N, C-alpha and C. Protein backbone atom coordinates (compact mmCIF):
# COMPACT_ATOMS: atom_id res chain seq x y z
N MET A 1 10.36 -18.08 -13.53
CA MET A 1 11.22 -17.27 -12.69
C MET A 1 10.54 -17.07 -11.34
N LYS A 2 11.33 -17.13 -10.29
CA LYS A 2 10.83 -16.96 -8.93
C LYS A 2 11.30 -15.59 -8.42
N VAL A 3 10.35 -14.73 -8.12
CA VAL A 3 10.64 -13.34 -7.75
C VAL A 3 10.48 -13.17 -6.25
N PRO A 4 11.54 -12.73 -5.56
CA PRO A 4 11.41 -12.48 -4.11
C PRO A 4 10.53 -11.27 -3.84
N MET A 5 9.61 -11.43 -2.91
CA MET A 5 8.69 -10.34 -2.55
C MET A 5 8.98 -9.81 -1.14
N THR A 6 9.33 -10.70 -0.23
CA THR A 6 9.75 -10.32 1.12
C THR A 6 10.91 -11.24 1.48
N GLU A 7 11.36 -11.13 2.71
CA GLU A 7 12.46 -11.99 3.15
C GLU A 7 12.11 -13.47 3.05
N TYR A 8 10.85 -13.82 3.28
CA TYR A 8 10.46 -15.22 3.32
C TYR A 8 9.41 -15.60 2.27
N LEU A 9 8.96 -14.67 1.44
CA LEU A 9 7.95 -14.94 0.42
C LEU A 9 8.48 -14.65 -0.97
N ARG A 10 8.07 -15.47 -1.93
CA ARG A 10 8.38 -15.21 -3.33
C ARG A 10 7.17 -15.62 -4.16
N ILE A 11 7.16 -15.16 -5.41
CA ILE A 11 6.13 -15.56 -6.36
C ILE A 11 6.80 -16.29 -7.51
N ASP A 12 6.29 -17.48 -7.81
CA ASP A 12 6.73 -18.23 -8.98
C ASP A 12 5.88 -17.74 -10.14
N LEU A 13 6.52 -17.04 -11.09
CA LEU A 13 5.77 -16.44 -12.20
C LEU A 13 5.24 -17.49 -13.17
N GLU A 14 5.83 -18.66 -13.22
CA GLU A 14 5.34 -19.71 -14.12
C GLU A 14 4.03 -20.32 -13.61
N THR A 15 3.98 -20.61 -12.33
CA THR A 15 2.78 -21.22 -11.75
C THR A 15 1.81 -20.18 -11.17
N GLU A 16 2.28 -18.94 -11.04
CA GLU A 16 1.51 -17.84 -10.45
C GLU A 16 1.05 -18.19 -9.03
N LYS A 17 2.01 -18.63 -8.21
CA LYS A 17 1.73 -19.02 -6.83
C LYS A 17 2.72 -18.34 -5.88
N TRP A 18 2.23 -18.04 -4.67
CA TRP A 18 3.11 -17.62 -3.58
C TRP A 18 3.86 -18.85 -3.09
N GLU A 19 5.13 -18.70 -2.73
CA GLU A 19 5.93 -19.79 -2.19
C GLU A 19 6.73 -19.32 -0.98
N CYS A 20 7.06 -20.27 -0.12
CA CYS A 20 7.98 -20.01 1.00
C CYS A 20 9.40 -20.00 0.43
N ARG A 21 10.19 -19.00 0.76
CA ARG A 21 11.56 -18.93 0.27
C ARG A 21 12.50 -19.86 1.04
N VAL A 22 12.07 -20.36 2.18
CA VAL A 22 12.92 -21.25 2.97
C VAL A 22 12.80 -22.69 2.49
N CYS A 23 11.56 -23.18 2.33
CA CYS A 23 11.37 -24.60 1.99
C CYS A 23 10.76 -24.82 0.61
N GLY A 24 10.27 -23.76 -0.06
CA GLY A 24 9.68 -23.91 -1.38
C GLY A 24 8.22 -24.34 -1.37
N HIS A 25 7.60 -24.41 -0.20
CA HIS A 25 6.19 -24.82 -0.10
C HIS A 25 5.30 -23.84 -0.87
N VAL A 26 4.38 -24.36 -1.67
CA VAL A 26 3.41 -23.53 -2.38
C VAL A 26 2.33 -23.11 -1.39
N ILE A 27 2.12 -21.80 -1.29
CA ILE A 27 1.24 -21.26 -0.25
C ILE A 27 -0.17 -20.96 -0.76
N ALA A 28 -0.26 -20.16 -1.83
CA ALA A 28 -1.57 -19.71 -2.31
C ALA A 28 -1.41 -19.11 -3.70
N PRO A 29 -2.52 -18.88 -4.42
CA PRO A 29 -2.43 -18.20 -5.71
C PRO A 29 -1.86 -16.78 -5.55
N ALA A 30 -1.05 -16.36 -6.51
CA ALA A 30 -0.37 -15.07 -6.42
C ALA A 30 -1.32 -13.89 -6.57
N ASP A 31 -2.50 -14.11 -7.15
CA ASP A 31 -3.45 -13.01 -7.29
C ASP A 31 -4.35 -12.87 -6.06
N GLY A 32 -4.08 -13.67 -5.03
CA GLY A 32 -4.86 -13.61 -3.79
C GLY A 32 -3.98 -13.25 -2.60
N ASN A 33 -4.58 -13.30 -1.43
CA ASN A 33 -3.88 -12.98 -0.19
C ASN A 33 -3.07 -14.21 0.25
N TYR A 34 -1.76 -14.06 0.33
CA TYR A 34 -0.89 -15.18 0.72
C TYR A 34 -1.21 -15.70 2.11
N LYS A 35 -1.77 -14.87 2.97
CA LYS A 35 -2.05 -15.26 4.34
C LYS A 35 -3.10 -16.37 4.42
N GLU A 36 -3.91 -16.51 3.38
CA GLU A 36 -4.93 -17.55 3.36
C GLU A 36 -4.33 -18.95 3.30
N GLY A 37 -3.08 -19.08 2.87
CA GLY A 37 -2.43 -20.38 2.79
C GLY A 37 -1.47 -20.66 3.93
N LEU A 38 -1.43 -19.80 4.93
CA LEU A 38 -0.50 -19.96 6.05
C LEU A 38 -1.23 -20.40 7.31
N LEU A 39 -0.48 -20.97 8.23
CA LEU A 39 -1.02 -21.27 9.55
C LEU A 39 -1.09 -19.96 10.34
N VAL A 40 -2.11 -19.84 11.18
CA VAL A 40 -2.29 -18.62 11.96
C VAL A 40 -2.32 -18.96 13.44
N HIS A 41 -1.50 -18.25 14.21
CA HIS A 41 -1.52 -18.40 15.66
C HIS A 41 -2.07 -17.09 16.23
N ASN A 42 -3.22 -17.16 16.87
CA ASN A 42 -3.85 -15.99 17.48
C ASN A 42 -3.30 -15.83 18.89
N ARG A 43 -2.35 -14.91 19.06
CA ARG A 43 -1.67 -14.76 20.34
C ARG A 43 -2.41 -13.80 21.27
N ASP A 44 -2.38 -14.10 22.54
CA ASP A 44 -2.87 -13.18 23.56
C ASP A 44 -1.82 -12.06 23.65
N PRO A 45 -2.21 -10.81 23.46
CA PRO A 45 -1.21 -9.73 23.47
C PRO A 45 -0.47 -9.59 24.79
N ARG A 46 -1.06 -10.12 25.87
CA ARG A 46 -0.38 -10.05 27.16
C ARG A 46 0.82 -10.98 27.23
N GLU A 47 0.87 -12.00 26.33
CA GLU A 47 2.05 -12.87 26.26
C GLU A 47 3.24 -12.12 25.66
N ILE A 48 2.96 -11.25 24.71
CA ILE A 48 4.00 -10.51 24.02
C ILE A 48 4.39 -9.25 24.80
N HIS A 49 3.38 -8.56 25.34
CA HIS A 49 3.59 -7.33 26.10
C HIS A 49 3.04 -7.53 27.51
N PRO A 50 3.82 -8.16 28.40
CA PRO A 50 3.30 -8.45 29.74
C PRO A 50 2.99 -7.17 30.52
N PRO A 51 2.07 -7.25 31.48
CA PRO A 51 1.73 -6.09 32.29
C PRO A 51 2.95 -5.54 33.02
N ILE A 52 3.03 -4.23 33.08
CA ILE A 52 4.14 -3.58 33.80
C ILE A 52 3.80 -3.46 35.28
N ILE A 53 2.52 -3.24 35.57
CA ILE A 53 2.09 -3.15 36.97
C ILE A 53 1.09 -4.27 37.26
N ASP A 54 0.81 -4.52 38.51
CA ASP A 54 0.01 -5.66 38.96
C ASP A 54 -1.42 -5.61 38.40
N PRO A 55 -1.80 -6.59 37.53
CA PRO A 55 -3.14 -6.58 36.96
C PRO A 55 -4.25 -6.90 37.97
N ASP A 56 -3.89 -7.48 39.13
CA ASP A 56 -4.90 -7.75 40.16
C ASP A 56 -5.29 -6.47 40.91
N ARG A 57 -4.41 -5.49 40.88
CA ARG A 57 -4.68 -4.24 41.60
C ARG A 57 -5.11 -3.10 40.69
N TYR A 58 -4.72 -3.16 39.42
CA TYR A 58 -4.98 -2.05 38.51
C TYR A 58 -5.66 -2.53 37.24
N ARG A 59 -6.61 -1.72 36.75
CA ARG A 59 -7.31 -2.07 35.51
C ARG A 59 -6.40 -1.85 34.29
N PHE A 60 -5.68 -0.77 34.27
CA PHE A 60 -4.80 -0.45 33.15
C PHE A 60 -3.36 -0.75 33.55
N THR A 61 -2.74 -1.67 32.84
CA THR A 61 -1.42 -2.18 33.25
C THR A 61 -0.33 -1.93 32.22
N PHE A 62 -0.63 -1.13 31.19
CA PHE A 62 0.29 -0.88 30.08
C PHE A 62 0.48 -2.12 29.21
N SER A 63 -0.43 -3.07 29.32
CA SER A 63 -0.45 -4.26 28.48
C SER A 63 -1.71 -4.18 27.61
N PRO A 64 -1.62 -4.55 26.31
CA PRO A 64 -2.81 -4.46 25.46
C PRO A 64 -3.97 -5.31 25.96
N ASP A 65 -5.16 -4.78 25.85
CA ASP A 65 -6.37 -5.47 26.27
C ASP A 65 -6.78 -6.46 25.16
N PRO A 66 -6.86 -7.78 25.46
CA PRO A 66 -7.21 -8.76 24.43
C PRO A 66 -8.63 -8.58 23.88
N ASP A 67 -9.47 -7.81 24.56
CA ASP A 67 -10.80 -7.51 24.02
C ASP A 67 -10.73 -6.47 22.89
N TRP A 68 -9.61 -5.77 22.80
CA TRP A 68 -9.46 -4.70 21.82
C TRP A 68 -8.41 -4.98 20.74
N VAL A 69 -7.48 -5.87 21.01
CA VAL A 69 -6.42 -6.14 20.03
C VAL A 69 -6.02 -7.61 20.10
N ARG A 70 -5.63 -8.15 18.96
CA ARG A 70 -5.08 -9.50 18.92
C ARG A 70 -3.81 -9.45 18.07
N ILE A 71 -2.93 -10.38 18.31
CA ILE A 71 -1.69 -10.47 17.55
C ILE A 71 -1.74 -11.78 16.77
N LEU A 72 -1.69 -11.66 15.45
CA LEU A 72 -1.73 -12.84 14.58
C LEU A 72 -0.33 -13.12 14.06
N GLU A 73 0.12 -14.35 14.21
CA GLU A 73 1.40 -14.78 13.67
C GLU A 73 1.11 -15.75 12.52
N PHE A 74 1.62 -15.44 11.33
CA PHE A 74 1.40 -16.26 10.14
C PHE A 74 2.67 -17.05 9.85
N CYS A 75 2.54 -18.39 9.75
CA CYS A 75 3.69 -19.28 9.58
C CYS A 75 3.48 -20.23 8.40
N CYS A 76 4.60 -20.64 7.79
CA CYS A 76 4.57 -21.61 6.71
C CYS A 76 4.08 -22.95 7.27
N PRO A 77 3.10 -23.58 6.62
CA PRO A 77 2.60 -24.87 7.12
C PRO A 77 3.59 -26.01 6.97
N SER A 78 4.61 -25.83 6.15
CA SER A 78 5.58 -26.89 5.92
C SER A 78 6.77 -26.81 6.86
N CYS A 79 7.43 -25.64 6.92
CA CYS A 79 8.66 -25.53 7.71
C CYS A 79 8.49 -24.72 9.00
N GLY A 80 7.36 -24.03 9.15
CA GLY A 80 7.10 -23.28 10.38
C GLY A 80 7.72 -21.90 10.42
N THR A 81 8.35 -21.45 9.34
CA THR A 81 8.94 -20.11 9.32
C THR A 81 7.86 -19.06 9.49
N GLN A 82 8.09 -18.12 10.41
CA GLN A 82 7.11 -17.05 10.62
C GLN A 82 7.26 -16.03 9.50
N MET A 83 6.20 -15.85 8.72
CA MET A 83 6.21 -14.98 7.55
C MET A 83 5.81 -13.55 7.88
N GLU A 84 4.87 -13.39 8.80
CA GLU A 84 4.29 -12.08 9.07
C GLU A 84 3.68 -12.07 10.46
N THR A 85 3.63 -10.90 11.06
CA THR A 85 2.93 -10.69 12.33
C THR A 85 2.04 -9.48 12.15
N GLU A 86 0.85 -9.55 12.69
CA GLU A 86 -0.13 -8.49 12.47
C GLU A 86 -0.90 -8.20 13.76
N TYR A 87 -1.00 -6.92 14.08
CA TYR A 87 -1.86 -6.49 15.17
C TYR A 87 -3.22 -6.20 14.55
N ALA A 88 -4.28 -6.80 15.08
CA ALA A 88 -5.59 -6.68 14.45
C ALA A 88 -6.68 -6.49 15.50
N ILE A 89 -7.81 -6.02 15.02
CA ILE A 89 -9.00 -5.88 15.85
C ILE A 89 -9.67 -7.25 15.93
N PRO A 90 -10.06 -7.72 17.12
CA PRO A 90 -10.74 -9.02 17.21
C PRO A 90 -11.98 -9.06 16.30
N GLY A 91 -12.10 -10.15 15.54
CA GLY A 91 -13.23 -10.31 14.63
C GLY A 91 -12.99 -9.75 13.24
N HIS A 92 -11.95 -8.94 13.07
CA HIS A 92 -11.64 -8.36 11.76
C HIS A 92 -10.81 -9.36 10.96
N PRO A 93 -11.07 -9.51 9.65
CA PRO A 93 -10.27 -10.46 8.86
C PRO A 93 -8.83 -9.97 8.73
N PRO A 94 -7.90 -10.87 8.46
CA PRO A 94 -6.50 -10.46 8.26
C PRO A 94 -6.37 -9.46 7.12
N LEU A 95 -5.41 -8.55 7.27
CA LEU A 95 -5.18 -7.55 6.23
C LEU A 95 -4.65 -8.19 4.95
N TRP A 96 -5.00 -7.61 3.83
CA TRP A 96 -4.45 -8.02 2.53
C TRP A 96 -3.39 -6.98 2.22
N ASP A 97 -2.16 -7.23 2.69
CA ASP A 97 -1.12 -6.21 2.64
C ASP A 97 -0.34 -6.16 1.33
N MET A 98 -0.41 -7.20 0.51
CA MET A 98 0.28 -7.18 -0.79
C MET A 98 -0.66 -7.73 -1.86
N GLN A 99 -1.22 -6.83 -2.66
CA GLN A 99 -2.07 -7.24 -3.77
C GLN A 99 -1.25 -7.03 -5.04
N VAL A 100 -0.93 -8.12 -5.73
CA VAL A 100 0.02 -8.10 -6.83
C VAL A 100 -0.69 -8.19 -8.18
N ASP A 101 -0.27 -7.34 -9.11
CA ASP A 101 -0.70 -7.44 -10.50
C ASP A 101 0.27 -8.41 -11.16
N VAL A 102 -0.12 -9.67 -11.27
CA VAL A 102 0.77 -10.73 -11.73
C VAL A 102 1.20 -10.49 -13.18
N ALA A 103 0.30 -10.06 -14.04
CA ALA A 103 0.65 -9.80 -15.44
C ALA A 103 1.71 -8.70 -15.55
N ALA A 104 1.55 -7.64 -14.79
CA ALA A 104 2.53 -6.55 -14.81
C ALA A 104 3.87 -7.01 -14.24
N LEU A 105 3.83 -7.86 -13.21
CA LEU A 105 5.07 -8.38 -12.62
C LEU A 105 5.80 -9.26 -13.62
N LYS A 106 5.05 -10.09 -14.35
CA LYS A 106 5.66 -10.92 -15.38
C LYS A 106 6.34 -10.07 -16.46
N ALA A 107 5.65 -9.01 -16.91
CA ALA A 107 6.21 -8.13 -17.94
C ALA A 107 7.47 -7.43 -17.43
N GLN A 108 7.45 -7.00 -16.20
CA GLN A 108 8.60 -6.31 -15.61
C GLN A 108 9.80 -7.24 -15.50
N TRP A 109 9.58 -8.47 -15.02
CA TRP A 109 10.69 -9.39 -14.79
C TRP A 109 11.14 -10.11 -16.07
N ALA A 110 10.35 -10.04 -17.15
CA ALA A 110 10.78 -10.63 -18.41
C ALA A 110 11.99 -9.89 -18.97
N LYS A 111 12.16 -8.64 -18.60
CA LYS A 111 13.26 -7.80 -19.09
C LYS A 111 14.51 -7.92 -18.22
N ARG A 112 14.43 -8.61 -17.10
CA ARG A 112 15.54 -8.68 -16.15
C ARG A 112 16.29 -10.00 -16.24
N ASP A 113 17.53 -9.95 -15.81
CA ASP A 113 18.37 -11.14 -15.76
C ASP A 113 18.10 -11.86 -14.44
N GLN A 114 17.71 -13.14 -14.52
CA GLN A 114 17.38 -13.90 -13.31
C GLN A 114 18.59 -14.04 -12.40
N GLY A 115 19.80 -14.00 -12.94
CA GLY A 115 21.01 -14.11 -12.14
C GLY A 115 21.26 -12.92 -11.24
N LYS A 116 20.50 -11.84 -11.43
CA LYS A 116 20.70 -10.63 -10.64
C LYS A 116 19.59 -10.42 -9.62
N LEU A 117 19.00 -11.50 -9.14
CA LEU A 117 17.98 -11.37 -8.10
C LEU A 117 18.60 -10.85 -6.82
N PRO A 118 17.86 -10.06 -6.04
CA PRO A 118 18.42 -9.52 -4.80
C PRO A 118 18.81 -10.62 -3.82
N ASP A 119 19.86 -10.38 -3.07
CA ASP A 119 20.33 -11.32 -2.07
C ASP A 119 19.41 -11.24 -0.86
N ALA A 120 19.15 -12.37 -0.22
CA ALA A 120 18.21 -12.41 0.89
C ALA A 120 18.85 -12.76 2.23
N GLY A 121 20.13 -13.01 2.27
CA GLY A 121 20.76 -13.32 3.54
C GLY A 121 21.06 -14.79 3.70
N PRO A 122 21.89 -15.13 4.69
CA PRO A 122 22.39 -16.50 4.84
C PRO A 122 21.33 -17.53 5.19
N ALA A 123 20.25 -17.14 5.85
CA ALA A 123 19.24 -18.12 6.25
C ALA A 123 18.39 -18.56 5.07
N VAL A 124 18.38 -17.79 3.98
CA VAL A 124 17.51 -18.08 2.86
C VAL A 124 18.28 -18.59 1.65
N VAL A 125 19.49 -18.09 1.45
CA VAL A 125 20.27 -18.46 0.28
C VAL A 125 21.10 -19.70 0.57
N PRO A 126 20.79 -20.84 -0.09
CA PRO A 126 21.54 -22.08 0.16
C PRO A 126 23.01 -21.91 -0.23
N GLY A 127 23.89 -22.49 0.58
CA GLY A 127 25.32 -22.49 0.27
C GLY A 127 26.04 -21.23 0.69
N ARG A 128 25.35 -20.26 1.20
CA ARG A 128 26.02 -19.01 1.62
C ARG A 128 26.50 -19.18 3.05
N LEU A 129 27.77 -18.99 3.27
CA LEU A 129 28.35 -19.27 4.59
C LEU A 129 28.64 -18.02 5.40
N HIS A 130 28.85 -16.87 4.76
CA HIS A 130 29.18 -15.67 5.53
C HIS A 130 27.93 -14.97 6.01
N GLY A 131 28.09 -14.11 7.03
CA GLY A 131 26.95 -13.41 7.62
C GLY A 131 26.60 -12.14 6.87
N HIS A 132 25.77 -11.36 7.48
CA HIS A 132 25.32 -10.11 6.85
C HIS A 132 26.43 -9.11 6.81
């Protein structure tokens, strides 16, 4: 059984692996951090939050300082779907935001009907033509 965890991530309980919900790519072991199996783009925060005032004239421009913050974009290596975005301290490892007890998840989902999995929207569910 494949259990949806986020809009773009699921866990295959048979293989105990994280998977992309868009393309089915196997990302990483389910008992580990899924981010370790994704591509990472380390963005300059000034690209996302451009300066409001002239950076040549002023030290503080209302734009994040890249010496103090970085923006990490995590994407599926197969289809390129962006799975997560994280604001982090430079040099700090990526956060482990979902630590799953796989055995407990298996026990919980063994009692459920697979046909009643939550709907994820038109971009993820094949054959669905209507919008949200």
